[in-house]
């Protein structure tokens, strides 16, 4: 196992000191190669050393202007610090440079969501679902952007697909409750709000939805 692979293994095991030691050795041995700086930057994000992480990613880009994963790392860094426009630019750049992984499309979609650009988020979240069809959270966020874009029939279908993957997804139940209420299906709405609360008793939005449905039923 080479040093980078071993260091990544240490990161996964949360043995950050050993990971840092190995990444530092890689940089010392190959100071003009971007990969060591990119991996060290990813480690520094996990350690919440954001200023240092930014410097390492920028050094990687200085060495290799087409290092897509360096732009992806910067995108993650800016996203975590709620700098969504900067994050958007870097995720876009990573995709332009050929990074074809679900995570980068997913993160770009979330970045656009956080800027309330829900329709613009849709193609990226859809692509993320195509690249990782088994990830229920990616699928859920795609459904959420559909709902926020007022594409309600498709949103309903997607939330039901989420429940097919994980019947205990409280937020999928909650959103199906909202859609059911929108379609005047009060019994279905109540069912989904109650399911969300069964799964997550502190689900404030579902509790409020259930209260509103019960008021409607009492009025009738």
C-alpha atoms as a PDB file:
ATOM      1  CA  UNK A   1       0.000   0.000   0.000  1.00  0.00           C
ATOM      2  CA  UNK A   2       1.478   3.387  -1.000  1.00  0.00           C
ATOM      3  CA  UNK A   3       1.671   6.309   1.406  1.00  0.00           C
ATOM      4  CA  UNK A   4      -1.377   8.142   0.073  1.00  0.00           C
ATOM      5  CA  UNK A   5      -3.570   5.037   0.309  1.00  0.00           C
ATOM      6  CA  UNK A   6      -2.274   4.352   3.824  1.00  0.00           C
ATOM      7  CA  UNK A   7      -2.880   7.956   4.860  1.00  0.00           C
ATOM      8  CA  UNK A   8      -6.443   7.844   3.523  1.00  0.00           C
ATOM      9  CA  UNK A   9      -6.970   4.644   5.513  1.00  0.00           C
ATOM     10  CA  UNK A  10      -5.733   6.459   8.625  1.00  0.00           C
ATOM     11  CA  UNK A  11      -8.184   9.292   7.881  1.00  0.00           C
ATOM     12  CA  UNK A  12     -11.057   6.823   7.652  1.00  0.00           C
ATOM     13  CA  UNK A  13      -9.958   5.404  11.010  1.00  0.00           C
ATOM     14  CA  UNK A  14      -9.771   8.977  12.406  1.00  0.00           C
ATOM     15  CA  UNK A  15      -6.079   8.540  13.094  1.00  0.00           C
ATOM     16  CA  UNK A  16      -5.455  12.071  11.892  1.00  0.00           C
ATOM     17  CA  UNK A  17      -1.958  12.479  13.310  1.00  0.00           C
ATOM     18  CA  UNK A  18      -0.622   9.530  11.315  1.00  0.00           C
ATOM     19  CA  UNK A  19      -2.516  10.640   8.211  1.00  0.00           C
ATOM     20  CA  UNK A  20      -0.952  14.110   8.493  1.00  0.00           C
ATOM     21  CA  UNK A  21       2.516  12.617   8.934  1.00  0.00           C
ATOM     22  CA  UNK A  22       2.201  10.536   5.774  1.00  0.00           C
ATOM     23  CA  UNK A  23       0.665  13.314   3.671  1.00  0.00           C
ATOM     24  CA  UNK A  24       3.481  15.594   4.796  1.00  0.00           C
ATOM     25  CA  UNK A  25       6.017  12.979   3.678  1.00  0.00           C
ATOM     26  CA  UNK A  26       4.293  12.719   0.298  1.00  0.00           C
ATOM     27  CA  UNK A  27       4.527  16.502  -0.158  1.00  0.00           C
ATOM     28  CA  UNK A  28       8.193  16.537   0.864  1.00  0.00           C
ATOM     29  CA  UNK A  29       8.964  13.725  -1.585  1.00  0.00           C
ATOM     30  CA  UNK A  30       6.877  15.194  -4.443  1.00  0.00           C
ATOM     31  CA  UNK A  31       6.684  18.972  -3.802  1.00  0.00           C
ATOM     32  CA  UNK A  32       5.602  19.752  -7.369  1.00  0.00           C
ATOM     33  CA  UNK A  33       2.688  17.306  -7.523  1.00  0.00           C
ATOM     34  CA  UNK A  34      -0.824  18.462  -6.643  1.00  0.00           C
ATOM     35  CA  UNK A  35      -2.180  15.224  -5.165  1.00  0.00           C
ATOM     36  CA  UNK A  36      -0.414  15.459  -1.816  1.00  0.00           C
ATOM     37  CA  UNK A  37      -1.681  18.998  -1.254  1.00  0.00           C
ATOM     38  CA  UNK A  38      -5.245  18.005  -2.198  1.00  0.00           C
ATOM     39  CA  UNK A  39      -5.307  15.114   0.253  1.00  0.00           C
ATOM     40  CA  UNK A  40      -3.754  17.208   3.008  1.00  0.00           C
ATOM     41  CA  UNK A  41      -6.393  19.875   2.325  1.00  0.00           C
ATOM     42  CA  UNK A  42      -9.162  17.287   2.749  1.00  0.00           C
ATOM     43  CA  UNK A  43      -7.617  16.235   6.059  1.00  0.00           C
ATOM     44  CA  UNK A  44      -7.431  19.841   7.254  1.00  0.00           C
ATOM     45  CA  UNK A  45     -11.161  20.306   6.521  1.00  0.00           C
ATOM     46  CA  UNK A  46     -11.885  17.390   8.851  1.00  0.00           C
ATOM     47  CA  UNK A  47      -9.719  19.075  11.486  1.00  0.00           C
ATOM     48  CA  UNK A  48     -11.598  22.382  10.993  1.00  0.00           C
ATOM     49  CA  UNK A  49      -8.380  24.117   9.943  1.00  0.00           C
ATOM     50  CA  UNK A  50     -10.121  25.895   7.118  1.00  0.00           C
ATOM     51  CA  UNK A  51      -7.588  28.646   6.404  1.00  0.00           C
ATOM     52  CA  UNK A  52      -4.780  26.115   6.033  1.00  0.00           C
ATOM     53  CA  UNK A  53      -7.000  23.844   3.928  1.00  0.00           C
ATOM     54  CA  UNK A  54      -7.737  26.701   1.533  1.00  0.00           C
ATOM     55  CA  UNK A  55      -4.025  27.387   1.130  1.00  0.00           C
ATOM     56  CA  UNK A  56      -3.299  23.719   0.355  1.00  0.00           C
ATOM     57  CA  UNK A  57      -6.038  23.510  -2.290  1.00  0.00           C
ATOM     58  CA  UNK A  58      -4.875  26.742  -3.908  1.00  0.00           C
ATOM     59  CA  UNK A  59      -1.295  25.448  -3.925  1.00  0.00           C
ATOM     60  CA  UNK A  60      -2.539  22.298  -5.686  1.00  0.00           C
ATOM     61  CA  UNK A  61      -4.287  24.445  -8.327  1.00  0.00           C
ATOM     62  CA  UNK A  62      -1.137  26.540  -8.720  1.00  0.00           C
ATOM     63  CA  UNK A  63       0.754  23.317  -9.498  1.00  0.00           C
ATOM     64  CA  UNK A  64      -2.005  21.851 -11.689  1.00  0.00           C
ATOM     65  CA  UNK A  65      -4.719  24.201 -12.933  1.00  0.00           C
ATOM     66  CA  UNK A  66      -6.773  21.202 -14.101  1.00  0.00           C
ATOM     67  CA  UNK A  67      -6.783  19.374 -10.744  1.00  0.00           C
ATOM     68  CA  UNK A  68     -10.561  18.869 -10.547  1.00  0.00           C
ATOM     69  CA  UNK A  69     -10.506  17.414  -7.020  1.00  0.00           C
ATOM     70  CA  UNK A  70      -8.738  20.547  -5.740  1.00  0.00           C
ATOM     71  CA  UNK A  71     -11.675  22.665  -6.949  1.00  0.00           C
ATOM     72  CA  UNK A  72     -14.048  20.127  -5.398  1.00  0.00           C
ATOM     73  CA  UNK A  73     -12.178  20.414  -2.097  1.00  0.00           C
ATOM     74  CA  UNK A  74     -12.438  24.201  -2.213  1.00  0.00           C
ATOM     75  CA  UNK A  75     -16.134  23.875  -2.994  1.00  0.00           C
ATOM     76  CA  UNK A  76     -16.671  21.743   0.099  1.00  0.00           C
ATOM     77  CA  UNK A  77     -14.668  24.170   2.213  1.00  0.00           C
ATOM     78  CA  UNK A  78     -16.692  27.166   1.070  1.00  0.00           C
ATOM     79  CA  UNK A  79     -19.987  25.258   1.395  1.00  0.00           C
ATOM     80  CA  UNK A  80     -19.217  24.385   5.024  1.00  0.00           C
ATOM     81  CA  UNK A  81     -18.622  28.086   5.672  1.00  0.00           C
ATOM     82  CA  UNK A  82     -21.871  29.107   3.905  1.00  0.00           C
ATOM     83  CA  UNK A  83     -19.951  30.871   1.119  1.00  0.00           C
ATOM     84  CA  UNK A  84     -22.328  29.479  -1.461  1.00  0.00           C
ATOM     85  CA  UNK A  85     -21.375  31.563  -4.502  1.00  0.00           C
ATOM     86  CA  UNK A  86     -17.717  30.609  -4.090  1.00  0.00           C
ATOM     87  CA  UNK A  87     -18.716  26.986  -3.526  1.00  0.00           C
ATOM     88  CA  UNK A  88     -20.872  27.051  -6.674  1.00  0.00           C
ATOM     89  CA  UNK A  89     -18.017  28.353  -8.824  1.00  0.00           C
ATOM     90  CA  UNK A  90     -15.615  25.691  -7.615  1.00  0.00           C
ATOM     91  CA  UNK A  91     -18.054  22.785  -7.972  1.00  0.00           C
ATOM     92  CA  UNK A  92     -18.831  24.012 -11.507  1.00  0.00           C
ATOM     93  CA  UNK A  93     -15.131  24.131 -12.291  1.00  0.00           C
ATOM     94  CA  UNK A  94     -14.602  20.585 -10.989  1.00  0.00           C
ATOM     95  CA  UNK A  95     -17.385  19.320 -13.274  1.00  0.00           C
ATOM     96  CA  UNK A  96     -16.010  21.280 -16.240  1.00  0.00           C
ATOM     97  CA  UNK A  97     -12.666  19.569 -15.665  1.00  0.00           C
ATOM     98  CA  UNK A  98     -14.292  16.152 -15.860  1.00  0.00           C
ATOM     99  CA  UNK A  99     -15.045  15.153 -12.275  1.00  0.00           C
ATOM    100  CA  UNK A 100     -17.966  12.819 -12.943  1.00  0.00           C
ATOM    101  CA  UNK A 101     -18.980  11.686  -9.454  1.00  0.00           C
ATOM    102  CA  UNK A 102     -22.338  11.877  -7.715  1.00  0.00           C
ATOM    103  CA  UNK A 103     -20.922  13.875  -4.795  1.00  0.00           C
ATOM    104  CA  UNK A 104     -19.876  16.901  -6.843  1.00  0.00           C
ATOM    105  CA  UNK A 105     -23.265  17.110  -8.608  1.00  0.00           C
ATOM    106  CA  UNK A 106     -25.043  16.611  -5.274  1.00  0.00           C
ATOM    107  CA  UNK A 107     -23.028  19.334  -3.555  1.00  0.00           C
ATOM    108  CA  UNK A 108     -23.605  21.743  -6.442  1.00  0.00           C
ATOM    109  CA  UNK A 109     -27.328  21.019  -6.180  1.00  0.00           C
ATOM    110  CA  UNK A 110     -27.294  21.707  -2.419  1.00  0.00           C
ATOM    111  CA  UNK A 111     -25.322  24.902  -3.007  1.00  0.00           C
ATOM    112  CA  UNK A 112     -28.010  26.143  -5.398  1.00  0.00           C
ATOM    113  CA  UNK A 113     -30.747  25.072  -2.968  1.00  0.00           C
ATOM    114  CA  UNK A 114     -29.120  27.161  -0.261  1.00  0.00           C
ATOM    115  CA  UNK A 115     -29.328  30.143  -2.616  1.00  0.00           C
ATOM    116  CA  UNK A 116     -33.023  29.338  -3.227  1.00  0.00           C
ATOM    117  CA  UNK A 117     -32.296  28.532  -6.871  1.00  0.00           C
ATOM    118  CA  UNK A 118     -34.351  25.366  -6.768  1.00  0.00           C
ATOM    119  CA  UNK A 119     -34.991  24.934 -10.485  1.00  0.00           C
ATOM    120  CA  UNK A 120     -31.312  25.437 -11.270  1.00  0.00           C
ATOM    121  CA  UNK A 121     -30.496  22.725  -8.724  1.00  0.00           C
ATOM    122  CA  UNK A 122     -32.685  20.140 -10.461  1.00  0.00           C
ATOM    123  CA  UNK A 123     -30.404  18.950 -13.303  1.00  0.00           C
ATOM    124  CA  UNK A 124     -27.451  18.555 -10.939  1.00  0.00           C
ATOM    125  CA  UNK A 125     -29.424  16.624  -8.343  1.00  0.00           C
ATOM    126  CA  UNK A 126     -30.955  14.479 -11.088  1.00  0.00           C
ATOM    127  CA  UNK A 127     -27.469  13.696 -12.405  1.00  0.00           C
ATOM    128  CA  UNK A 128     -26.368  12.804  -8.885  1.00  0.00           C
ATOM    129  CA  UNK A 129     -29.245  10.310  -8.603  1.00  0.00           C
ATOM    130  CA  UNK A 130     -28.230   8.779 -11.924  1.00  0.00           C
ATOM    131  CA  UNK A 131     -24.637   8.337 -10.754  1.00  0.00           C
ATOM    132  CA  UNK A 132     -25.664   6.898  -7.377  1.00  0.00           C
ATOM    133  CA  UNK A 133     -29.104   5.350  -7.602  1.00  0.00           C
ATOM    134  CA  UNK A 134     -28.842   3.775  -4.132  1.00  0.00           C
ATOM    135  CA  UNK A 135     -28.377   6.979  -2.117  1.00  0.00           C
ATOM    136  CA  UNK A 136     -31.711   7.841  -0.524  1.00  0.00           C
ATOM    137  CA  UNK A 137     -30.588  11.285   0.673  1.00  0.00           C
ATOM    138  CA  UNK A 138     -29.589  12.407  -2.828  1.00  0.00           C
ATOM    139  CA  UNK A 139     -32.975  11.219  -4.086  1.00  0.00           C
ATOM    140  CA  UNK A 140     -34.754  13.016  -1.247  1.00  0.00           C
ATOM    141  CA  UNK A 141     -33.017  16.313  -1.975  1.00  0.00           C
ATOM    142  CA  UNK A 142     -33.979  15.954  -5.639  1.00  0.00           C
ATOM    143  CA  UNK A 143     -37.596  15.495  -4.541  1.00  0.00           C
ATOM    144  CA  UNK A 144     -37.316  18.525  -2.300  1.00  0.00           C
ATOM    145  CA  UNK A 145     -36.108  20.716  -5.160  1.00  0.00           C
ATOM    146  CA  UNK A 146     -38.958  19.433  -7.325  1.00  0.00           C
ATOM    147  CA  UNK A 147     -41.449  20.371  -4.611  1.00  0.00           C
ATOM    148  CA  UNK A 148     -39.843  23.779  -4.100  1.00  0.00           C
ATOM    149  CA  UNK A 149     -40.036  24.298  -7.875  1.00  0.00           C
ATOM    150  CA  UNK A 150     -43.778  23.525  -7.751  1.00  0.00           C
ATOM    151  CA  UNK A 151     -43.350  20.340  -9.810  1.00  0.00           C
ATOM    152  CA  UNK A 152     -45.552  18.540  -7.356  1.00  0.00           C
ATOM    153  CA  UNK A 153     -46.543  15.359  -9.184  1.00  0.00           C
ATOM    154  CA  UNK A 154     -42.922  14.432  -9.838  1.00  0.00           C
ATOM    155  CA  UNK A 155     -41.991  15.376  -6.268  1.00  0.00           C
ATOM    156  CA  UNK A 156     -44.681  12.994  -4.971  1.00  0.00           C
ATOM    157  CA  UNK A 157     -43.266  10.173  -7.092  1.00  0.00           C
ATOM    158  CA  UNK A 158     -39.725  10.809  -5.874  1.00  0.00           C
ATOM    159  CA  UNK A 159     -40.690  10.943  -2.177  1.00  0.00           C
ATOM    160  CA  UNK A 160     -42.487   7.606  -2.591  1.00  0.00           C
ATOM    161  CA  UNK A 161     -39.331   6.172  -4.155  1.00  0.00           C
ATOM    162  CA  UNK A 162     -37.424   7.364  -1.093  1.00  0.00           C
ATOM    163  CA  UNK A 163     -39.877   5.482   1.125  1.00  0.00           C
ATOM    164  CA  UNK A 164     -39.441   2.392  -1.039  1.00  0.00           C
ATOM    165  CA  UNK A 165     -35.732   2.606  -0.192  1.00  0.00           C
ATOM    166  CA  UNK A 166     -36.257   3.503   3.469  1.00  0.00           C
ATOM    167  CA  UNK A 167     -39.753   3.329   4.926  1.00  0.00           C
ATOM    168  CA  UNK A 168     -38.493   5.115   8.062  1.00  0.00           C
ATOM    169  CA  UNK A 169     -37.502   8.353   6.308  1.00  0.00           C
ATOM    170  CA  UNK A 170     -39.408  10.875   8.435  1.00  0.00           C
ATOM    171  CA  UNK A 171     -38.849  13.864   6.149  1.00  0.00           C
ATOM    172  CA  UNK A 172     -40.157  11.972   3.111  1.00  0.00           C
ATOM    173  CA  UNK A 173     -43.325  11.201   5.087  1.00  0.00           C
ATOM    174  CA  UNK A 174     -43.599  14.840   6.154  1.00  0.00           C
ATOM    175  CA  UNK A 175     -43.283  16.135   2.599  1.00  0.00           C
ATOM    176  CA  UNK A 176     -45.801  13.600   1.324  1.00  0.00           C
ATOM    177  CA  UNK A 177     -48.113  14.879   4.057  1.00  0.00           C
ATOM    178  CA  UNK A 178     -47.721  18.424   2.779  1.00  0.00           C
ATOM    179  CA  UNK A 179     -48.386  17.327  -0.812  1.00  0.00           C
ATOM    180  CA  UNK A 180     -51.420  15.322   0.284  1.00  0.00           C
ATOM    181  CA  UNK A 181     -52.783  18.341   2.134  1.00  0.00           C
ATOM    182  CA  UNK A 182     -52.234  20.481  -0.966  1.00  0.00           C
ATOM    183  CA  UNK A 183     -54.334  17.960  -2.906  1.00  0.00           C
ATOM    184  CA  UNK A 184     -57.099  18.006  -0.246  1.00  0.00           C
ATOM    185  CA  UNK A 185     -56.274  14.417   0.752  1.00  0.00           C
ATOM    186  CA  UNK A 186     -56.602  15.021   4.476  1.00  0.00           C
ATOM    187  CA  UNK A 187     -56.640  11.373   5.556  1.00  0.00           C
ATOM    188  CA  UNK A 188     -53.436  10.658   3.630  1.00  0.00           C
ATOM    189  CA  UNK A 189     -51.856  13.844   4.990  1.00  0.00           C
ATOM    190  CA  UNK A 190     -52.683  12.833   8.563  1.00  0.00           C
ATOM    191  CA  UNK A 191     -51.216   9.372   7.968  1.00  0.00           C
ATOM    192  CA  UNK A 192     -47.916  10.764   6.707  1.00  0.00           C
ATOM    193  CA  UNK A 193     -47.620  13.347   9.489  1.00  0.00           C
ATOM    194  CA  UNK A 194     -48.295  10.635  12.082  1.00  0.00           C
ATOM    195  CA  UNK A 195     -45.721   8.352  10.474  1.00  0.00           C
ATOM    196  CA  UNK A 196     -43.139  11.166  10.536  1.00  0.00           C
ATOM    197  CA  UNK A 197     -43.853  11.674  14.248  1.00  0.00           C
ATOM    198  CA  UNK A 198     -43.690   7.957  14.998  1.00  0.00           C
ATOM    199  CA  UNK A 199     -40.245   7.824  13.433  1.00  0.00           C
ATOM    200  CA  UNK A 200     -39.095  11.195  14.814  1.00  0.00           C
ATOM    201  CA  UNK A 201     -41.216  12.312  17.790  1.00  0.00           C
ATOM    202  CA  UNK A 202     -39.566  15.753  17.876  1.00  0.00           C
ATOM    203  CA  UNK A 203     -40.407  16.514  14.228  1.00  0.00           C
ATOM    204  CA  UNK A 204     -41.814  20.023  14.794  1.00  0.00           C
ATOM    205  CA  UNK A 205     -43.080  20.553  11.246  1.00  0.00           C
ATOM    206  CA  UNK A 206     -44.912  17.221  11.212  1.00  0.00           C
ATOM    207  CA  UNK A 207     -46.472  18.014  14.601  1.00  0.00           C
ATOM    208  CA  UNK A 208     -47.693  21.340  13.241  1.00  0.00           C
ATOM    209  CA  UNK A 209     -48.985  19.652  10.077  1.00  0.00           C
ATOM    210  CA  UNK A 210     -50.874  17.066  12.133  1.00  0.00           C
ATOM    211  CA  UNK A 211     -52.406  19.826  14.272  1.00  0.00           C
ATOM    212  CA  UNK A 212     -53.592  21.702  11.175  1.00  0.00           C
ATOM    213  CA  UNK A 213     -55.123  18.561   9.641  1.00  0.00           C
ATOM    214  CA  UNK A 214     -56.949  17.714  12.876  1.00  0.00           C
ATOM    215  CA  UNK A 215     -58.355  21.240  12.980  1.00  0.00           C
ATOM    216  CA  UNK A 216     -59.593  20.828   9.399  1.00  0.00           C
ATOM    217  CA  UNK A 217     -61.228  17.500  10.244  1.00  0.00           C
ATOM    218  CA  UNK A 218     -62.894  18.948  13.338  1.00  0.00           C
ATOM    219  CA  UNK A 219     -64.275  21.847  11.297  1.00  0.00           C
ATOM    220  CA  UNK A 220     -65.864  19.329   8.939  1.00  0.00           C
END
